[in-house]
Structures are given as structure tokens and as C-alpha cells.
Amino acid sequence: MAIGLDNIYNIPASWIWLIIIVAVWKLIWYGFALYKTIEKKEKTWFVILFICAFVLNDLGILAIIYLLLRKKKGRR
């Protein structure tokens, strides 16, 4: 069953809330990761994360991986 423009208003409210929660989750992770790439002047990572954030939908998993891989061991 495909959702067309004629019946888009029949989407259950629980799905709408799920979409909103996923979108906020994704924006938080990608926003933080993109901020860190700018701060560290990592242009390649910025481009990769930017494309994934706005073209691909991976629920922020790549942003989380980036943040875990590029985390400093200790703060100075």
C-alpha cells in the first residue's frame, strides 16, 4: 500500500510523532558532528557528514561513529 498525496492525511498520529522524534534525533547528532568538523577544520569529514545528513537517511549513525572515532583521549 503506497501513500499518495490524496491520502497523506490518513497517516496515524503515532507515525507522525515517530517521524518527528527521528528527525530531532538526527538533527542533534549531525549538528554536533558538523560543529566538531568545523572546529577541527576537517573538510573531508564535513562534506561526508553534510551529504549523509541531507541526502541519505542513516538516523545519525555516521555522525555517532565520527564522534566516537575522533574523540580526544583527554582534555587539556
PDB file of N, CA and C in Angstrom:
ATOM      1  N   MET A   1       0.838  -1.177   0.000  1.00  0.00           N
ATOM      2  CA  MET A   1       0.000   0.000   0.000  1.00  0.00           C
ATOM      3  C   MET A   1       0.890   1.250   0.000  1.00  0.00           C
ATOM      4  N   ALA A   2       0.784   2.015  -1.029  1.00  0.00           N
ATOM      5  CA  ALA A   2       1.581   3.226  -1.151  1.00  0.00           C
ATOM      6  C   ALA A   2       0.803   4.421  -0.614  1.00  0.00           C
ATOM      7  N   ILE A   3       1.524   5.345  -0.049  1.00  0.00           N
ATOM      8  CA  ILE A   3       0.894   6.564   0.461  1.00  0.00           C
ATOM      9  C   ILE A   3       1.043   7.631  -0.605  1.00  0.00           C
ATOM     10  N   GLY A   4      -0.057   8.054  -1.158  1.00  0.00           N
ATOM     11  CA  GLY A   4      -0.033   9.106  -2.164  1.00  0.00           C
ATOM     12  C   GLY A   4      -0.439  10.427  -1.539  1.00  0.00           C
ATOM     13  N   LEU A   5      -0.407  11.461  -2.342  1.00  0.00           N
ATOM     14  CA  LEU A   5      -0.781  12.783  -1.838  1.00  0.00           C
ATOM     15  C   LEU A   5      -2.254  12.871  -1.478  1.00  0.00           C
ATOM     16  N   ASP A   6      -3.082  12.028  -2.103  1.00  0.00           N
ATOM     17  CA  ASP A   6      -4.513  12.085  -1.822  1.00  0.00           C
ATOM     18  C   ASP A   6      -4.877  11.527  -0.445  1.00  0.00           C
ATOM     19  N   ASN A   7      -4.078  10.621   0.095  1.00  0.00           N
ATOM     20  CA  ASN A   7      -4.402  10.046   1.412  1.00  0.00           C
ATOM     21  C   ASN A   7      -3.296  10.271   2.443  1.00  0.00           C
ATOM     22  N   ILE A   8      -2.498  11.306   2.264  1.00  0.00           N
ATOM     23  CA  ILE A   8      -1.399  11.593   3.194  1.00  0.00           C
ATOM     24  C   ILE A   8      -1.923  12.000   4.577  1.00  0.00           C
ATOM     25  N   TYR A   9      -3.136  12.496   4.619  1.00  0.00           N
ATOM     26  CA  TYR A   9      -3.714  12.918   5.896  1.00  0.00           C
ATOM     27  C   TYR A   9      -4.225  11.743   6.714  1.00  0.00           C
ATOM     28  N   ASN A  10      -4.152  10.544   6.181  1.00  0.00           N
ATOM     29  CA  ASN A  10      -4.597   9.353   6.897  1.00  0.00           C
ATOM     30  C   ASN A  10      -3.464   8.670   7.662  1.00  0.00           C
ATOM     31  N   ILE A  11      -2.310   9.316   7.737  1.00  0.00           N
ATOM     32  CA  ILE A  11      -1.185   8.749   8.474  1.00  0.00           C
ATOM     33  C   ILE A  11      -1.507   8.804   9.969  1.00  0.00           C
ATOM     34  N   PRO A  12      -1.328   7.698  10.670  1.00  0.00           N
ATOM     35  CA  PRO A  12      -1.617   7.683  12.114  1.00  0.00           C
ATOM     36  C   PRO A  12      -0.744   8.687  12.878  1.00  0.00           C
ATOM     37  N   ALA A  13      -1.280   9.238  13.934  1.00  0.00           N
ATOM     38  CA  ALA A  13      -0.566  10.228  14.745  1.00  0.00           C
ATOM     39  C   ALA A  13       0.710   9.639  15.340  1.00  0.00           C
ATOM     40  N   SER A  14       0.701   8.367  15.670  1.00  0.00           N
ATOM     41  CA  SER A  14       1.902   7.741  16.236  1.00  0.00           C
ATOM     42  C   SER A  14       3.048   7.743  15.228  1.00  0.00           C
ATOM     43  N   TRP A  15       2.754   7.605  13.951  1.00  0.00           N
ATOM     44  CA  TRP A  15       3.792   7.655  12.920  1.00  0.00           C
ATOM     45  C   TRP A  15       4.360   9.059  12.808  1.00  0.00           C
ATOM     46  N   ILE A  16       3.487  10.042  12.898  1.00  0.00           N
ATOM     47  CA  ILE A  16       3.940  11.427  12.807  1.00  0.00           C
ATOM     48  C   ILE A  16       4.878  11.746  13.955  1.00  0.00           C
ATOM     49  N   TRP A  17       4.518  11.299  15.171  1.00  0.00           N
ATOM     50  CA  TRP A  17       5.391  11.524  16.324  1.00  0.00           C
ATOM     51  C   TRP A  17       6.719  10.789  16.153  1.00  0.00           C
ATOM     52  N   LEU A  18       6.680   9.596  15.598  1.00  0.00           N
ATOM     53  CA  LEU A  18       7.904   8.841  15.362  1.00  0.00           C
ATOM     54  C   LEU A  18       8.803   9.578  14.366  1.00  0.00           C
ATOM     55  N   ILE A  19       8.228  10.109  13.314  1.00  0.00           N
ATOM     56  CA  ILE A  19       8.990  10.867  12.317  1.00  0.00           C
ATOM     57  C   ILE A  19       9.621  12.107  12.955  1.00  0.00           C
ATOM     58  N   ILE A  20       8.865  12.799  13.798  1.00  0.00           N
ATOM     59  CA  ILE A  20       9.382  13.993  14.477  1.00  0.00           C
ATOM     60  C   ILE A  20      10.531  13.627  15.411  1.00  0.00           C
ATOM     61  N   ILE A  21      10.376  12.558  16.165  1.00  0.00           N
ATOM     62  CA  ILE A  21      11.418  12.121  17.109  1.00  0.00           C
ATOM     63  C   ILE A  21      12.691  11.729  16.351  1.00  0.00           C
ATOM     64  N   VAL A  22      12.540  10.979  15.265  1.00  0.00           N
ATOM     65  CA  VAL A  22      13.692  10.569  14.464  1.00  0.00           C
ATOM     66  C   VAL A  22      14.380  11.790  13.850  1.00  0.00           C
ATOM     67  N   ALA A  23      13.608  12.744  13.356  1.00  0.00           N
ATOM     68  CA  ALA A  23      14.180  13.951  12.751  1.00  0.00           C
ATOM     69  C   ALA A  23      14.963  14.763  13.784  1.00  0.00           C
ATOM     70  N   VAL A  24      14.420  14.913  14.973  1.00  0.00           N
ATOM     71  CA  VAL A  24      15.116  15.660  16.025  1.00  0.00           C
ATOM     72  C   VAL A  24      16.386  14.927  16.439  1.00  0.00           C
ATOM     73  N   TRP A  25      16.283  13.611  16.610  1.00  0.00           N
ATOM     74  CA  TRP A  25      17.444  12.779  16.952  1.00  0.00           C
ATOM     75  C   TRP A  25      18.561  12.997  15.928  1.00  0.00           C
ATOM     76  N   LYS A  26      18.202  12.914  14.654  1.00  0.00           N
ATOM     77  CA  LYS A  26      19.169  13.057  13.567  1.00  0.00           C
ATOM     78  C   LYS A  26      19.778  14.462  13.540  1.00  0.00           C
ATOM     79  N   LEU A  27      18.960  15.485  13.709  1.00  0.00           N
ATOM     80  CA  LEU A  27      19.469  16.852  13.691  1.00  0.00           C
ATOM     81  C   LEU A  27      20.444  17.118  14.833  1.00  0.00           C
ATOM     82  N   ILE A  28      20.155  16.580  16.001  1.00  0.00           N
ATOM     83  CA  ILE A  28      21.045  16.771  17.147  1.00  0.00           C
ATOM     84  C   ILE A  28      22.412  16.147  16.872  1.00  0.00           C
ATOM     85  N   TRP A  29      22.437  14.891  16.450  1.00  0.00           N
ATOM     86  CA  TRP A  29      23.711  14.217  16.218  1.00  0.00           C
ATOM     87  C   TRP A  29      24.487  14.843  15.078  1.00  0.00           C
ATOM     88  N   TYR A  30      23.805  15.123  13.959  1.00  0.00           N
ATOM     89  CA  TYR A  30      24.514  15.714  12.832  1.00  0.00           C
ATOM     90  C   TYR A  30      24.941  17.148  13.130  1.00  0.00           C
ATOM     91  N   GLY A  31      24.129  17.881  13.830  1.00  0.00           N
ATOM     92  CA  GLY A  31      24.522  19.244  14.198  1.00  0.00           C
ATOM     93  C   GLY A  31      25.777  19.252  15.038  1.00  0.00           C
ATOM     94  N   PHE A  32      25.833  18.368  16.016  1.00  0.00           N
ATOM     95  CA  PHE A  32      27.003  18.293  16.881  1.00  0.00           C
ATOM     96  C   PHE A  32      28.233  17.827  16.101  1.00  0.00           C
ATOM     97  N   ALA A  33      28.063  16.816  15.252  1.00  0.00           N
ATOM     98  CA  ALA A  33      29.193  16.298  14.476  1.00  0.00           C
ATOM     99  C   ALA A  33      29.691  17.339  13.475  1.00  0.00           C
ATOM    100  N   LEU A  34      28.781  18.031  12.804  1.00  0.00           N
ATOM    101  CA  LEU A  34      29.195  19.064  11.850  1.00  0.00           C
ATOM    102  C   LEU A  34      29.915  20.204  12.564  1.00  0.00           C
ATOM    103  N   TYR A  35      29.435  20.562  13.748  1.00  0.00           N
ATOM    104  CA  TYR A  35      30.102  21.595  14.541  1.00  0.00           C
ATOM    105  C   TYR A  35      31.542  21.171  14.863  1.00  0.00           C
ATOM    106  N   LYS A  36      31.718  19.923  15.256  1.00  0.00           N
ATOM    107  CA  LYS A  36      33.055  19.425  15.600  1.00  0.00           C
ATOM    108  C   LYS A  36      33.976  19.417  14.379  1.00  0.00           C
ATOM    109  N   THR A  37      33.445  19.074  13.195  1.00  0.00           N
ATOM    110  CA  THR A  37      34.291  19.073  11.999  1.00  0.00           C
ATOM    111  C   THR A  37      34.754  20.483  11.656  1.00  0.00           C
ATOM    112  N   ILE A  38      33.879  21.453  11.853  1.00  0.00           N
ATOM    113  CA  ILE A  38      34.262  22.847  11.604  1.00  0.00           C
ATOM    114  C   ILE A  38      35.312  23.283  12.618  1.00  0.00           C
ATOM    115  N   GLU A  39      35.083  22.921  13.871  1.00  0.00           N
ATOM    116  CA  GLU A  39      36.010  23.284  14.937  1.00  0.00           C
ATOM    117  C   GLU A  39      37.408  22.699  14.698  1.00  0.00           C
ATOM    118  N   LYS A  40      37.460  21.462  14.180  1.00  0.00           N
ATOM    119  CA  LYS A  40      38.737  20.787  13.950  1.00  0.00           C
ATOM    120  C   LYS A  40      39.267  20.991  12.532  1.00  0.00           C
ATOM    121  N   LYS A  41      38.540  21.761  11.716  1.00  0.00           N
ATOM    122  CA  LYS A  41      38.933  22.056  10.329  1.00  0.00           C
ATOM    123  C   LYS A  41      39.126  20.781   9.502  1.00  0.00           C
ATOM    124  N   GLU A  42      38.184  19.857   9.626  1.00  0.00           N
ATOM    125  CA  GLU A  42      38.224  18.599   8.879  1.00  0.00           C
ATOM    126  C   GLU A  42      37.223  18.688   7.722  1.00  0.00           C
ATOM    127  N   LYS A  43      37.695  19.217   6.584  1.00  0.00           N
ATOM    128  CA  LYS A  43      36.809  19.473   5.443  1.00  0.00           C
ATOM    129  C   LYS A  43      36.226  18.190   4.856  1.00  0.00           C
ATOM    130  N   THR A  44      37.032  17.150   4.760  1.00  0.00           N
ATOM    131  CA  THR A  44      36.549  15.896   4.175  1.00  0.00           C
ATOM    132  C   THR A  44      35.407  15.315   4.989  1.00  0.00           C
ATOM    133  N   TRP A  45      35.593  15.253   6.310  1.00  0.00           N
ATOM    134  CA  TRP A  45      34.534  14.740   7.171  1.00  0.00           C
ATOM    135  C   TRP A  45      33.299  15.627   7.101  1.00  0.00           C
ATOM    136  N   PHE A  46      33.495  16.921   7.006  1.00  0.00           N
ATOM    137  CA  PHE A  46      32.356  17.836   6.913  1.00  0.00           C
ATOM    138  C   PHE A  46      31.505  17.524   5.684  1.00  0.00           C
ATOM    139  N   VAL A  47      32.172  17.353   4.545  1.00  0.00           N
ATOM    140  CA  VAL A  47      31.441  17.067   3.299  1.00  0.00           C
ATOM    141  C   VAL A  47      30.715  15.726   3.404  1.00  0.00           C
ATOM    142  N   ILE A  48      31.391  14.712   3.913  1.00  0.00           N
ATOM    143  CA  ILE A  48      30.766  13.388   4.056  1.00  0.00           C
ATOM    144  C   ILE A  48      29.554  13.471   4.971  1.00  0.00           C
ATOM    145  N   LEU A  49      29.713  14.094   6.132  1.00  0.00           N
ATOM    146  CA  LEU A  49      28.599  14.198   7.078  1.00  0.00           C
ATOM    147  C   LEU A  49      27.475  15.061   6.532  1.00  0.00           C
ATOM    148  N   PHE A  50      27.805  16.134   5.838  1.00  0.00           N
ATOM    149  CA  PHE A  50      26.785  17.012   5.266  1.00  0.00           C
ATOM    150  C   PHE A  50      25.945  16.264   4.238  1.00  0.00           C
ATOM    151  N   ILE A  51      26.613  15.522   3.355  1.00  0.00           N
ATOM    152  CA  ILE A  51      25.880  14.743   2.353  1.00  0.00           C
ATOM    153  C   ILE A  51      25.001  13.697   3.019  1.00  0.00           C
ATOM    154  N   CYS A  52      25.532  13.001   3.998  1.00  0.00           N
ATOM    155  CA  CYS A  52      24.745  11.971   4.686  1.00  0.00           C
ATOM    156  C   CYS A  52      23.586  12.580   5.468  1.00  0.00           C
ATOM    157  N   ALA A  53      23.796  13.752   6.030  1.00  0.00           N
ATOM    158  CA  ALA A  53      22.744  14.379   6.838  1.00  0.00           C
ATOM    159  C   ALA A  53      21.574  14.811   5.979  1.00  0.00           C
ATOM    160  N   PHE A  54      21.838  15.284   4.777  1.00  0.00           N
ATOM    161  CA  PHE A  54      20.764  15.867   3.982  1.00  0.00           C
ATOM    162  C   PHE A  54      20.382  15.062   2.751  1.00  0.00           C
ATOM    163  N   VAL A  55      21.126  14.013   2.421  1.00  0.00           N
ATOM    164  CA  VAL A  55      20.779  13.198   1.264  1.00  0.00           C
ATOM    165  C   VAL A  55      20.401  11.788   1.698  1.00  0.00           C
ATOM    166  N   LEU A  56      21.244  11.174   2.494  1.00  0.00           N
ATOM    167  CA  LEU A  56      20.990   9.814   2.961  1.00  0.00           C
ATOM    168  C   LEU A  56      20.314   9.852   4.329  1.00  0.00           C
ATOM    169  N   ASN A  57      19.577   8.828   4.634  1.00  0.00           N
ATOM    170  CA  ASN A  57      18.941   8.764   5.944  1.00  0.00           C
ATOM    171  C   ASN A  57      19.510   7.569   6.698  1.00  0.00           C
ATOM    172  N   ASP A  58      20.423   7.833   7.601  1.00  0.00           N
ATOM    173  CA  ASP A  58      21.015   6.749   8.383  1.00  0.00           C
ATOM    174  C   ASP A  58      20.796   6.945   9.885  1.00  0.00           C
ATOM    175  N   LEU A  59      19.843   7.791  10.246  1.00  0.00           N
ATOM    176  CA  LEU A  59      19.457   8.033  11.640  1.00  0.00           C
ATOM    177  C   LEU A  59      20.598   8.586  12.494  1.00  0.00           C
ATOM    178  N   GLY A  60      21.560   9.211  11.852  1.00  0.00           N
ATOM    179  CA  GLY A  60      22.652   9.813  12.607  1.00  0.00           C
ATOM    180  C   GLY A  60      23.752   8.849  12.985  1.00  0.00           C
ATOM    181  N   ILE A  61      23.700   7.628  12.460  1.00  0.00           N
ATOM    182  CA  ILE A  61      24.684   6.622  12.835  1.00  0.00           C
ATOM    183  C   ILE A  61      26.086   7.042  12.406  1.00  0.00           C
ATOM    184  N   LEU A  62      26.237   7.590  11.200  1.00  0.00           N
ATOM    185  CA  LEU A  62      27.562   8.032  10.759  1.00  0.00           C
ATOM    186  C   LEU A  62      28.089   9.152  11.647  1.00  0.00           C
ATOM    187  N   ALA A  63      27.218  10.060  12.064  1.00  0.00           N
ATOM    188  CA  ALA A  63      27.643  11.140  12.954  1.00  0.00           C
ATOM    189  C   ALA A  63      28.121  10.587  14.298  1.00  0.00           C
ATOM    190  N   ILE A  64      27.425   9.608  14.807  1.00  0.00           N
ATOM    191  CA  ILE A  64      27.824   8.989  16.076  1.00  0.00           C
ATOM    192  C   ILE A  64      29.169   8.291  15.918  1.00  0.00           C
ATOM    193  N   ILE A  65      29.363   7.577  14.801  1.00  0.00           N
ATOM    194  CA  ILE A  65      30.641   6.907  14.544  1.00  0.00           C
ATOM    195  C   ILE A  65      31.762   7.927  14.458  1.00  0.00           C
ATOM    196  N   TYR A  66      31.521   9.025  13.720  1.00  0.00           N
ATOM    197  CA  TYR A  66      32.547  10.077  13.615  1.00  0.00           C
ATOM    198  C   TYR A  66      32.918  10.600  15.002  1.00  0.00           C
ATOM    199  N   LEU A  67      31.917  10.918  15.806  1.00  0.00           N
ATOM    200  CA  LEU A  67      32.188  11.488  17.128  1.00  0.00           C
ATOM    201  C   LEU A  67      32.951  10.514  18.016  1.00  0.00           C
ATOM    202  N   LEU A  68      32.652   9.234  17.911  1.00  0.00           N
ATOM    203  CA  LEU A  68      33.362   8.244  18.715  1.00  0.00           C
ATOM    204  C   LEU A  68      34.797   8.048  18.215  1.00  0.00           C
ATOM    205  N   LEU A  69      34.991   8.041  16.902  1.00  0.00           N
ATOM    206  CA  LEU A  69      36.329   7.827  16.345  1.00  0.00           C
ATOM    207  C   LEU A  69      37.254   9.014  16.555  1.00  0.00           C
ATOM    208  N   ARG A  70      36.721  10.205  16.507  1.00  0.00           N
ATOM    209  CA  ARG A  70      37.537  11.418  16.557  1.00  0.00           C
ATOM    210  C   ARG A  70      37.585  12.046  17.949  1.00  0.00           C
ATOM    211  N   LYS A  71      37.093  11.339  18.943  1.00  0.00           N
ATOM    212  CA  LYS A  71      37.065  11.865  20.306  1.00  0.00           C
ATOM    213  C   LYS A  71      38.487  11.945  20.865  1.00  0.00           C
ATOM    214  N   LYS A  72      38.773  13.043  21.557  1.00  0.00           N
ATOM    215  CA  LYS A  72      40.074  13.190  22.205  1.00  0.00           C
ATOM    216  C   LYS A  72      40.130  12.267  23.406  1.00  0.00           C
ATOM    217  N   LYS A  73      41.318  11.741  23.663  1.00  0.00           N
ATOM    218  CA  LYS A  73      41.504  10.862  24.811  1.00  0.00           C
ATOM    219  C   LYS A  73      41.422  11.633  26.130  1.00  0.00           C
ATOM    220  N   GLY A  74      41.969  12.817  26.159  1.00  0.00           N
ATOM    221  CA  GLY A  74      41.930  13.624  27.373  1.00  0.00           C
ATOM    222  C   GLY A  74      41.854  15.093  27.020  1.00  0.00           C
ATOM    223  N   ARG A  75      41.227  15.873  27.854  1.00  0.00           N
ATOM    224  CA  ARG A  75      41.133  17.307  27.609  1.00  0.00           C
ATOM    225  C   ARG A  75      42.288  18.004  28.258  1.00  0.00           C
ATOM    226  N   ARG A  76      42.812  19.024  27.564  1.00  0.00           N
ATOM    227  CA  ARG A  76      43.938  19.790  28.111  1.00  0.00           C
ATOM    228  C   ARG A  76      43.558  21.225  28.243  1.00  0.00           C
TER     229      ARG A  76
END
